[in-house]
Each structure stands twice: as structure tokens, then as C-alpha cells.
């Protein structure tokens, strides 16, 4: 099955999409969602309709429809087990089951993963990628979702997107061979794309040979010591750079290899070279990586005497101040700087950068929560409550992030003497996780006093 643009749909379905959009514009979300989902049941490969459906689901999720949502999820979440089993035999039906759950919890991780697997089984990889991206957003710390997304990117010849994931998770899980293999495969794929496949010039056979050599090199690397493996990667990458001096990815491969063996000076040297390339000169990700390398170098510096944790914090603050000056519109840099300033007790400075980071939809919850913590730290509890309530309203599932927000809200209300409201917040955590911090003790004390 191929992806279907909206213009290729049956005229009747196109009219139904228009009716759904009109309903969406009028605020009739339930009707619009039902119409969009009916279109997708009949034409599951239309990604543009699925994207509009997801936007409508996300909008409805912000509304206060608790009892109705709870009933719907109670009915349909158990059916995900069936969908997971039959997603390859009956992929269209599995996709519809997943969407029924996403109707009321558009950030449901398992539903997104089932949707992705069923879409992949039908050969509609763009839809699979869309679902996997949603899964990664709902659980950014889940390496399995990230790996699946990178694999999907490679299947559509998007090695640069796969490289971003492979490099990020390679740093977070340095002992994970799967991400190391993924990095090499993405580098080879990108090299093949850039180099061309013209068989009349002999390039086709050369590229095949290079790919086999890369695979063989990786196989040999697994039997070597970490230093020997890094030296092999560095030698191979330097050889490629001689042929292709502007290759950013081969420079980064050398940076990663030196980082893996703790040679931060050489890693920074090669990263500096990478940042001077045409492809790296204005890349904020490379700038961030330079900061993290300098921080790691400081952490492992056995010659430094004194409070190393304080030195690391001061270095981070200084480095991220430089980054927000160089990249003023990069919200992640403002958020990182704000968190470092808050942890250092520099609350007024932190507030400025948390407020800037709130402009990013992806970072809004983290920035709003951080802003609330700053207000609480300054004794401005009424302002803190406003921020915590705003952050709580963005979160649908009682995961670790929401527990943290709700707990802070409860503590703030408690400090203001609004005990009944504080109790209501603590109860929400208690009903989901009795072992979270001192919630059980708080609830026990409340009921014991009655």
C-alpha cells in the first residue's frame, strides 16, 4: 500500500474531510474526530488526514472531559492487546483500534507503537514514522522507540535523521552495540547517497565494497579492546576525510571515538574542526556537544582540587550563557541555562530564561514547571500555583513528570494553608503511586487526624 495524498482520495471522502474541517473550525471536536477517523478506516494511508485528526485529538485532550475520557479508555485500552497480536495479519483493523485509544489520549505510547507497527506492515512508512515520532515524544527516555524510529528513517533513506538519534543514544548508552551499529549504518547510507551509484563509472561496485568493508570493520571492532576499536574507527574516518574533506559525519565519528575512550582534548579538537565545516558552522547541536565534552573533561580531571560539582555548575552556566548569546532563538539552550541558574540559587536570572523557553511548544511543560519552582523559591506561592496548574493542564497521564508537577503544586498549596486543595492533589498521586516520595505519609496523616 502506498501513501495517499488527500487529492487522490475518492471525491466522497474528500467532501467528508471538508465537513470534518468545518466541524473542527466550529469547535465541534467530537463530530470532527469521528469523521476523520471514518475516512482513515476506509483509507488508512492518507497521512495528511491522520495529522489533522491528531491535532484535533490533542486539542480535545486539553478540555475537561474526564469522566467521558475515562470511560472511553476503560473500554478501548484493553483492546490494544488484541491489536498488538493481529497488527500484521489485520493491520488496518489494528490501526483503527489504536486510533480509538488515541482519540482520548493522543500521547498513549503503546497505541502509537501499535499504530506504527501496523502501518509498517502495510508499507506506509511515512505514517509509521509519524506514529513513532509521537511515541518518542510521549516517552523521550525510551530507547526502544528511538531505535525503531531511526530504523524507519533509514528505510526511507533519511540517514541524517537516523544519525541524530544514533549519536544521541550512543552517548547515553555507550555500551549498546545496537546504537553503535546504527550509527555506522547511517554513516554508510549517507556516504552512498552523497557519492552516487553510477555503475558506468565503477562507483556502484566501489560503494558495495565500501559497505562490506564497513560491516567487516564493525565486526572486528567488537572483538577488540575499546581503545583498539576507537583507533580503527578513527583511522577509517580519517581516510574518508582525505577523500571528502567536508564530510561532517566522518568528523563526528572521530569525535565520538575519542569521547568513547575518554580523550576529551582530541575529541574537542576534532569537534572544533567539524564546526568550521560548511555543514557545521551554524549547527547548535555541535555547539551543545562541545559544552558537554568540556563538562565531561572537567568531571574526569583528577588534578582539580576543591568542590568539583560547583565547578561543573559554574562551567555549565558560563558555557550556556555563551550559547544563548550565539543562538538566541534556541529554546533548549535557554531551558538548560535556566535550570542551571535555578540550581545555583540565581532565581531572578533563571526566571528570564524559563519565560523565554515557554515559547517552545515542546518545552512548555518543563519551562512552566521550572518557572513555578523559581516563584516558589522566592516565596511567591500564588504565582507558583498558577504555573504548576498550567503545567498540570498540559499533562494527561500520571507519569513521573506529572507526579512531580502535582506534588509541587500540593506542597505549594499546603504552604499557603489551602489544605483541602493540597490534599486533593496528593490524592491524585496516591491513587496512582502510593510509594511516591512522602505522599502516603501525608495522606495517612490527613485521615489519621479526622
Protein backbone atom coordinates (compact mmCIF):
# COMPACT_ATOMS: atom_id res chain seq x y z
CA UNK A 1 0.00 0.00 0.00
CA UNK A 2 1.31 3.45 -0.91
CA UNK A 3 0.83 6.71 0.95
CA UNK A 4 -2.22 8.54 -0.42
CA UNK A 5 -2.35 12.33 -0.77
CA UNK A 6 -5.66 13.98 0.00
CA UNK A 7 -6.16 14.84 -3.66
CA UNK A 8 -6.07 11.12 -4.56
CA UNK A 9 -8.98 10.19 -2.29
CA UNK A 10 -12.42 9.33 -3.56
CA UNK A 11 -14.42 12.58 -4.08
CA UNK A 12 -16.90 11.45 -1.43
CA UNK A 13 -14.11 11.06 1.11
CA UNK A 14 -12.69 14.45 0.15
CA UNK A 15 -16.08 16.04 0.87
CA UNK A 16 -16.18 14.22 4.20
CA UNK A 17 -12.78 15.66 5.08
CA UNK A 18 -14.07 19.15 4.28
CA UNK A 19 -17.10 18.58 6.51
CA UNK A 20 -14.76 17.43 9.29
CA UNK A 21 -12.61 20.54 8.91
CA UNK A 22 -15.68 22.76 9.07
CA UNK A 23 -16.77 20.99 12.26
CA UNK A 24 -13.27 21.45 13.66
CA UNK A 25 -13.36 25.18 12.89
CA UNK A 26 -16.71 25.46 14.70
CA UNK A 27 -15.26 23.71 17.75
CA UNK A 28 -17.33 20.55 17.30
CA UNK A 29 -14.39 18.30 18.11
CA UNK A 30 -16.27 15.06 18.74
CA UNK A 31 -18.01 15.17 15.36
CA UNK A 32 -14.83 16.20 13.52
CA UNK A 33 -12.81 13.39 15.09
CA UNK A 34 -15.46 10.80 14.22
CA UNK A 35 -15.48 11.97 10.58
CA UNK A 36 -11.69 11.98 10.27
CA UNK A 37 -11.43 8.51 11.79
CA UNK A 38 -14.12 7.19 9.44
CA UNK A 39 -12.07 8.45 6.48
CA UNK A 40 -8.98 6.70 7.84
CA UNK A 41 -10.83 3.44 8.34
CA UNK A 42 -11.53 3.45 4.60
CA UNK A 43 -8.21 4.99 3.52
CA UNK A 44 -5.59 4.37 6.25
CA UNK A 45 -2.71 5.54 4.04
CA UNK A 46 -3.76 9.21 3.96
CA UNK A 47 -1.21 10.78 6.29
CA UNK A 48 -2.48 14.35 5.86
CA UNK A 49 -5.86 13.34 7.30
CA UNK A 50 -4.18 11.48 10.18
CA UNK A 51 -2.16 14.58 11.05
CA UNK A 52 -5.28 16.75 11.20
CA UNK A 53 -7.01 14.06 13.27
CA UNK A 54 -4.12 14.05 15.74
CA UNK A 55 -4.27 17.84 16.05
CA UNK A 56 -7.99 17.59 16.83
CA UNK A 57 -7.36 14.83 19.39
CA UNK A 58 -4.68 16.90 21.10
CA UNK A 59 -6.99 19.90 21.22
CA UNK A 60 -9.79 17.86 22.77
CA UNK A 61 -7.37 16.36 25.29
CA UNK A 62 -6.86 19.82 26.81
CA UNK A 63 -10.57 20.13 27.61
CA UNK A 64 -12.19 18.93 30.85
CA UNK A 65 -13.83 15.73 29.65
CA UNK A 66 -12.56 13.49 32.45
CA UNK A 67 -15.46 11.04 33.03
CA UNK A 68 -16.14 10.56 29.33
CA UNK A 69 -12.45 10.10 28.60
CA UNK A 70 -12.02 7.63 31.46
CA UNK A 71 -14.96 5.54 30.25
CA UNK A 72 -13.70 5.52 26.69
CA UNK A 73 -10.19 4.45 27.72
CA UNK A 74 -11.57 1.77 30.02
CA UNK A 75 -13.44 0.30 27.05
CA UNK A 76 -10.74 0.54 24.40
CA UNK A 77 -7.30 0.28 26.07
CA UNK A 78 -7.81 -3.46 26.81
CA UNK A 79 -8.34 -3.99 23.07
CA UNK A 80 -4.77 -2.89 22.41
CA UNK A 81 -3.66 -6.39 23.42
CA UNK A 82 -5.71 -7.79 20.55
CA UNK A 83 -4.37 -5.14 18.18
CA UNK A 84 -0.79 -5.95 19.16
CA UNK A 85 -1.31 -9.62 18.32
CA UNK A 86 -3.04 -9.09 14.96
CA UNK A 87 -1.23 -5.97 13.76
CA UNK A 88 0.47 -7.90 10.93
CA UNK A 89 -2.48 -10.11 9.94
CA UNK A 90 -5.11 -7.37 10.17
CA UNK A 91 -3.09 -4.12 10.11
CA UNK A 92 -5.95 -1.80 9.10
CA UNK A 93 -8.11 -3.01 11.99
CA UNK A 94 -5.17 -2.72 14.39
CA UNK A 95 -4.61 0.87 13.25
CA UNK A 96 -8.25 1.70 13.91
CA UNK A 97 -8.08 0.14 17.40
CA UNK A 98 -5.01 2.22 18.18
CA UNK A 99 -6.71 5.39 16.97
CA UNK A 100 -9.69 4.70 19.25
CA UNK A 101 -7.33 4.94 22.22
CA UNK A 102 -5.50 7.94 20.77
CA UNK A 103 -8.87 9.68 20.44
CA UNK A 104 -8.84 10.35 24.18
CA UNK A 105 -5.15 10.02 24.97
CA UNK A 106 -3.20 11.15 21.88
CA UNK A 107 0.07 10.65 23.76
CA UNK A 108 -0.60 7.00 24.59
CA UNK A 109 2.75 5.32 23.97
CA UNK A 110 1.59 1.74 23.39
CA UNK A 111 -1.14 2.85 20.99
CA UNK A 112 1.37 4.89 18.98
CA UNK A 113 3.75 1.92 18.78
CA UNK A 114 0.97 -0.41 17.59
CA UNK A 115 -0.11 2.16 15.02
CA UNK A 116 3.49 2.36 13.76
CA UNK A 117 3.91 -1.42 13.51
CA UNK A 118 0.60 -1.86 11.70
CA UNK A 119 1.39 0.96 9.29
CA UNK A 120 4.80 -0.55 8.58
CA UNK A 121 3.15 -3.92 7.90
CA UNK A 122 1.12 -2.23 5.18
CA UNK A 123 4.14 -0.47 3.70
CA UNK A 124 3.05 3.04 4.63
CA UNK A 125 6.31 4.08 6.21
CA UNK A 126 5.61 7.81 6.42
CA UNK A 127 2.63 7.01 8.63
CA UNK A 128 4.80 4.65 10.69
CA UNK A 129 7.35 7.42 11.19
CA UNK A 130 4.61 9.85 12.22
CA UNK A 131 3.42 7.38 14.87
CA UNK A 132 6.95 6.63 16.08
CA UNK A 133 7.72 10.32 16.42
CA UNK A 134 4.62 10.63 18.62
CA UNK A 135 5.78 7.64 20.68
CA UNK A 136 9.21 9.22 21.19
CA UNK A 137 7.62 12.50 22.26
CA UNK A 138 5.45 10.71 24.82
CA UNK A 139 8.43 8.77 26.23
CA UNK A 140 11.65 10.60 25.36
CA UNK A 141 13.68 8.26 27.59
CA UNK A 142 12.54 5.06 25.85
CA UNK A 143 15.48 3.81 23.79
CA UNK A 144 13.36 1.14 22.06
CA UNK A 145 11.07 3.73 20.47
CA UNK A 146 14.07 5.81 19.43
CA UNK A 147 15.77 2.82 17.83
CA UNK A 148 12.61 1.91 15.90
CA UNK A 149 12.27 5.49 14.66
CA UNK A 150 15.88 5.59 13.47
CA UNK A 151 15.37 2.29 11.63
CA UNK A 152 12.26 3.73 9.98
CA UNK A 153 14.22 6.80 8.89
CA UNK A 154 16.84 4.57 7.29
CA UNK A 155 14.14 2.59 5.47
CA UNK A 156 13.12 5.83 3.75
CA UNK A 157 16.71 6.87 3.02
CA UNK A 158 16.76 9.58 5.66
CA UNK A 159 20.18 8.82 7.19
CA UNK A 160 20.69 12.31 8.60
CA UNK A 161 17.62 11.95 10.81
CA UNK A 162 18.79 8.48 11.84
CA UNK A 163 22.24 9.89 12.67
CA UNK A 164 20.78 12.42 15.10
CA UNK A 165 19.15 9.59 17.06
CA UNK A 166 22.15 7.25 16.83
CA UNK A 167 24.56 9.91 18.09
CA UNK A 168 22.27 10.99 20.93
CA UNK A 169 21.64 7.45 22.18
CA UNK A 170 25.21 6.38 21.51
CA UNK A 171 26.26 8.96 24.09
CA UNK A 172 23.54 7.94 26.54
CA UNK A 173 24.15 4.18 26.12
CA UNK A 174 27.85 3.89 25.21
CA UNK A 175 27.87 0.12 25.75
CA UNK A 176 24.89 -0.56 23.47
CA UNK A 177 26.10 -2.25 20.28
CA UNK A 178 22.72 -1.70 18.60
CA UNK A 179 23.14 2.06 18.52
CA UNK A 180 26.80 1.78 17.53
CA UNK A 181 25.78 -0.44 14.60
CA UNK A 182 23.03 2.01 13.75
CA UNK A 183 25.49 4.88 13.65
CA UNK A 184 27.78 3.04 11.26
CA UNK A 185 24.90 2.01 9.01
CA UNK A 186 23.60 5.57 8.88
CA UNK A 187 27.06 6.90 8.03
CA UNK A 188 27.45 4.35 5.23
CA UNK A 189 23.98 5.14 3.87
CA UNK A 190 24.66 8.85 3.86
CA UNK A 191 28.02 8.30 2.20
CA UNK A 192 26.34 6.22 -0.51
CA UNK A 193 23.75 8.92 -1.10
CA UNK A 194 26.35 11.63 -1.44
CA UNK A 195 28.72 9.55 -3.51
CA UNK A 196 26.20 8.41 -6.14
CA UNK A 197 25.57 5.00 -7.65
CA UNK A 198 26.60 5.46 -11.27
CA UNK A 199 27.50 1.95 -12.40
CA UNK A 200 29.18 3.13 -15.61
CA UNK A 201 31.85 4.94 -13.60
CA UNK A 202 32.62 1.94 -11.42
CA UNK A 203 31.18 3.71 -8.38
CA UNK A 204 28.44 1.15 -7.87
CA UNK A 205 30.89 -1.67 -7.18
CA UNK A 206 33.13 0.62 -5.15
CA UNK A 207 30.25 1.57 -2.89
CA UNK A 208 29.23 -2.03 -2.37
CA UNK A 209 32.78 -2.87 -1.44
CA UNK A 210 32.95 0.09 0.96
CA UNK A 211 29.73 -1.00 2.67
CA UNK A 212 31.02 -4.56 3.10
CA UNK A 213 34.28 -3.21 4.48
CA UNK A 214 32.38 -1.04 6.97
CA UNK A 215 30.38 -4.03 8.18
CA UNK A 216 33.53 -6.15 8.44
CA UNK A 217 35.31 -3.35 10.30
CA UNK A 218 32.49 -3.18 12.83
CA UNK A 219 32.56 -6.97 13.28
CA UNK A 220 36.28 -6.86 14.01
CA UNK A 221 35.82 -3.90 16.34
CA UNK A 222 33.62 -5.96 18.64
CA UNK A 223 36.48 -8.35 19.38
CA UNK A 224 38.93 -5.55 20.13
CA UNK A 225 39.55 -3.54 23.26
CA UNK A 226 37.73 -0.18 23.37
CA UNK A 227 40.95 1.67 22.54
CA UNK A 228 41.74 -0.62 19.60
CA UNK A 229 38.19 -0.28 18.31
CA UNK A 230 38.35 3.51 18.57
CA UNK A 231 41.68 3.61 16.78
CA UNK A 232 40.21 1.54 13.96
CA UNK A 233 37.22 3.86 13.61
CA UNK A 234 39.46 6.93 13.69
CA UNK A 235 41.83 5.56 11.04
CA UNK A 236 38.94 4.64 8.73
CA UNK A 237 37.24 8.01 9.20
CA UNK A 238 40.45 9.96 8.59
CA UNK A 239 40.92 8.06 5.36
CA UNK A 240 37.42 9.06 4.29
CA UNK A 241 38.09 12.68 5.24
CA UNK A 242 41.12 12.71 2.94
CA UNK A 243 38.78 11.82 0.09
CA UNK A 244 35.93 14.05 1.31
CA UNK A 245 37.30 16.89 3.50
CA UNK A 246 33.85 18.46 4.04
CA UNK A 247 32.29 15.27 5.44
CA UNK A 248 30.72 16.32 8.72
CA UNK A 249 29.68 12.81 9.69
CA UNK A 250 33.17 11.35 9.46
CA UNK A 251 34.45 14.20 11.65
CA UNK A 252 31.73 13.38 14.18
CA UNK A 253 32.65 9.69 14.04
CA UNK A 254 36.17 10.65 15.14
CA UNK A 255 34.79 12.88 17.90
CA UNK A 256 32.65 10.00 19.18
CA UNK A 257 35.56 7.56 19.06
CA UNK A 258 37.81 9.84 21.12
CA UNK A 259 34.96 10.52 23.54
CA UNK A 260 34.39 6.78 24.00
CA UNK A 261 37.94 6.30 25.24
CA UNK A 262 37.96 9.46 27.37
CA UNK A 263 40.35 11.52 25.23
CA UNK A 264 38.33 14.71 25.54
CA UNK A 265 41.08 17.04 24.33
CA UNK A 266 41.28 15.32 20.95
CA UNK A 267 37.51 14.97 20.81
CA UNK A 268 37.19 18.73 21.26
CA UNK A 269 39.93 19.33 18.70
CA UNK A 270 38.03 17.35 16.07
CA UNK A 271 34.71 18.87 17.07
CA UNK A 272 36.23 22.30 16.55
CA UNK A 273 37.24 21.20 13.05
CA UNK A 274 33.71 19.93 12.43
CA UNK A 275 32.21 23.26 13.48
CA UNK A 276 34.34 25.03 10.88
CA UNK A 277 32.94 22.93 8.03
CA UNK A 278 30.20 24.38 5.84
CA UNK A 279 27.67 21.91 7.28
CA UNK A 280 28.68 22.54 10.88
CA UNK A 281 29.39 26.24 11.10
CA UNK A 282 25.95 27.20 12.45
CA UNK A 283 24.81 23.87 13.92
CA UNK A 284 23.54 24.38 17.51
CA UNK A 285 23.78 20.64 18.21
CA UNK A 286 27.54 20.74 17.67
CA UNK A 287 27.80 23.75 19.95
CA UNK A 288 25.90 21.87 22.67
CA UNK A 289 28.14 18.85 22.21
CA UNK A 290 31.22 20.99 22.74
CA UNK A 291 29.78 22.13 26.07
CA UNK A 292 29.08 18.57 27.20
CA UNK A 293 32.58 17.47 26.23
CA UNK A 294 34.15 20.26 28.25
CA UNK A 295 31.95 19.36 31.20
CA UNK A 296 32.92 15.68 30.94
CA UNK A 297 36.57 16.66 30.74
CA UNK A 298 36.20 18.68 33.94
CA UNK A 299 34.38 15.84 35.72
CA UNK A 300 37.20 13.40 34.95
CA UNK A 301 40.03 15.81 35.75
CA UNK A 302 41.81 14.10 38.65
CA UNK A 303 44.21 17.04 39.09
CA UNK A 304 41.48 19.51 40.04
CA UNK A 305 41.24 20.21 43.76
CA UNK A 306 38.14 21.56 45.51
CA UNK A 307 34.40 21.38 45.00
CA UNK A 308 34.18 19.74 41.59
CA UNK A 309 30.36 19.79 41.50
CA UNK A 310 30.36 23.54 41.98
CA UNK A 311 32.99 23.95 39.29
CA UNK A 312 30.89 21.87 36.88
CA UNK A 313 27.81 24.00 37.57
CA UNK A 314 29.77 27.22 37.07
CA UNK A 315 31.20 25.88 33.81
CA UNK A 316 27.77 24.87 32.54
CA UNK A 317 26.32 28.28 33.35
CA UNK A 318 29.17 30.07 31.62
CA UNK A 319 29.01 27.83 28.55
CA UNK A 320 25.23 28.07 28.16
CA UNK A 321 25.33 31.83 28.59
CA UNK A 322 27.63 31.87 25.58
CA UNK A 323 25.27 29.55 23.69
CA UNK A 324 22.16 31.68 24.24
CA UNK A 325 24.14 34.66 23.02
CA UNK A 326 25.24 32.78 19.90
CA UNK A 327 21.87 31.07 19.32
CA UNK A 328 19.26 33.39 20.89
CA UNK A 329 16.26 31.60 19.35
CA UNK A 330 17.26 28.10 20.52
CA UNK A 331 14.77 27.45 23.32
CA UNK A 332 16.57 24.28 24.58
CA UNK A 333 19.63 26.38 25.42
CA UNK A 334 17.52 28.85 27.40
CA UNK A 335 15.89 25.98 29.29
CA UNK A 336 19.23 24.35 30.14
CA UNK A 337 20.69 27.67 31.30
CA UNK A 338 17.57 28.40 33.37
CA UNK A 339 17.79 25.03 35.13
CA UNK A 340 21.47 25.55 35.93
CA UNK A 341 20.82 29.06 37.26
CA UNK A 342 17.89 27.81 39.36
CA UNK A 343 20.00 25.02 40.86
CA UNK A 344 22.66 27.60 41.68
CA UNK A 345 20.09 29.74 43.51
CA UNK A 346 20.17 32.56 40.92
CA UNK A 347 16.38 32.62 40.64
CA UNK A 348 15.79 36.02 39.02
CA UNK A 349 18.19 35.20 36.21
CA UNK A 350 16.62 31.76 35.81
CA UNK A 351 13.11 33.23 35.52
CA UNK A 352 14.10 35.25 32.44
CA UNK A 353 15.27 32.16 30.57
CA UNK A 354 12.40 29.92 31.71
CA UNK A 355 9.99 32.53 30.34
CA UNK A 356 11.86 32.55 27.04
CA UNK A 357 11.77 28.75 26.84
CA UNK A 358 8.00 28.77 27.37
CA UNK A 359 7.69 29.94 23.77
CA UNK A 360 8.57 26.42 22.60
CA UNK A 361 5.59 24.06 22.47
CA UNK A 362 7.80 21.03 23.12
CA UNK A 363 9.48 22.60 26.14
CA UNK A 364 6.49 24.45 27.57
CA UNK A 365 5.74 21.98 30.37
CA UNK A 366 9.36 21.81 31.56
CA UNK A 367 9.78 25.58 31.35
CA UNK A 368 6.48 26.29 33.10
CA UNK A 369 7.30 23.86 35.90
CA UNK A 370 10.76 25.38 36.29
CA UNK A 371 9.26 28.85 36.42
CA UNK A 372 6.87 27.71 39.14
CA UNK A 373 9.77 26.30 41.16
CA UNK A 374 11.54 29.66 40.92
CA UNK A 375 8.46 31.53 42.14
CA UNK A 376 8.08 29.04 44.97
CA UNK A 377 11.73 29.52 45.89
CA UNK A 378 11.16 33.28 46.09
CA UNK A 379 8.10 32.79 48.31
CA UNK A 380 5.67 33.88 45.58
CA UNK A 381 3.39 30.92 46.13
CA UNK A 382 0.35 32.37 44.36
CA UNK A 383 2.37 32.83 41.17
CA UNK A 384 3.90 29.38 41.60
CA UNK A 385 0.44 27.78 41.85
CA UNK A 386 -0.57 29.42 38.55
CA UNK A 387 2.44 27.92 36.79
CA UNK A 388 2.01 24.46 38.31
CA UNK A 389 -1.66 24.40 37.31
CA UNK A 390 -0.73 25.42 33.77
CA UNK A 391 1.88 22.66 33.56
CA UNK A 392 -0.52 20.11 35.03
CA UNK A 393 -3.13 21.03 32.42
CA UNK A 394 -0.74 20.03 29.64
CA UNK A 395 -0.21 16.52 31.04
CA UNK A 396 -2.81 13.82 30.54
CA UNK A 397 -1.13 10.74 32.00
CA UNK A 398 0.04 10.40 35.61
CA UNK A 399 3.63 9.62 34.66
CA UNK A 400 6.77 10.68 36.53
CA UNK A 401 6.64 14.19 35.08
CA UNK A 402 3.04 14.78 36.14
CA UNK A 403 3.68 13.33 39.61
CA UNK A 404 6.48 15.84 40.05
CA UNK A 405 4.26 18.73 38.95
CA UNK A 406 1.27 17.67 41.06
CA UNK A 407 3.46 17.09 44.13
CA UNK A 408 4.99 20.55 43.82
CA UNK A 409 1.50 22.03 43.42
CA UNK A 410 0.28 20.21 46.52
CA UNK A 411 3.24 21.38 48.58
CA UNK A 412 2.72 24.95 47.45
CA UNK A 413 -0.98 24.89 48.33
CA UNK A 414 -0.08 23.33 51.69
CA UNK A 415 2.35 26.16 52.40
CA UNK A 416 -0.43 28.67 51.65
CA UNK A 417 -2.78 26.98 54.13
CA UNK A 418 -5.08 25.71 51.39
CA UNK A 419 -5.05 22.24 52.89
CA UNK A 420 -8.17 20.80 51.25
CA UNK A 421 -6.86 21.70 47.80
CA UNK A 422 -3.43 20.32 48.68
CA UNK A 423 -4.99 17.06 49.85
CA UNK A 424 -6.88 16.72 46.57
CA UNK A 425 -3.59 16.99 44.66
CA UNK A 426 -1.77 14.48 46.85
CA UNK A 427 -4.68 12.05 46.47
CA UNK A 428 -4.23 12.06 42.70
CA UNK A 429 -0.67 10.83 43.14
CA UNK A 430 -1.63 8.43 45.93
CA UNK A 431 -4.21 6.69 43.74
CA UNK A 432 -1.61 6.13 41.03
CA UNK A 433 1.59 5.55 43.03
CA UNK A 434 1.38 5.07 46.79
CA UNK A 435 5.17 4.90 47.05
CA UNK A 436 5.88 8.31 45.54
CA UNK A 437 8.01 10.35 47.94
CA UNK A 438 6.11 11.02 51.20
CA UNK A 439 2.61 11.06 49.70
CA UNK A 440 1.47 8.01 51.70
CA UNK A 441 2.63 9.68 54.91
CA UNK A 442 0.80 12.89 54.01
CA UNK A 443 -2.45 11.10 53.20
CA UNK A 444 -2.15 8.91 56.29
CA UNK A 445 -1.65 11.98 58.47
CA UNK A 446 -4.70 13.68 57.00
CA UNK A 447 -7.02 10.73 57.59
CA UNK A 448 -5.48 9.98 60.97
CA UNK A 449 -6.30 13.48 62.16
CA UNK A 450 -10.00 13.11 61.29
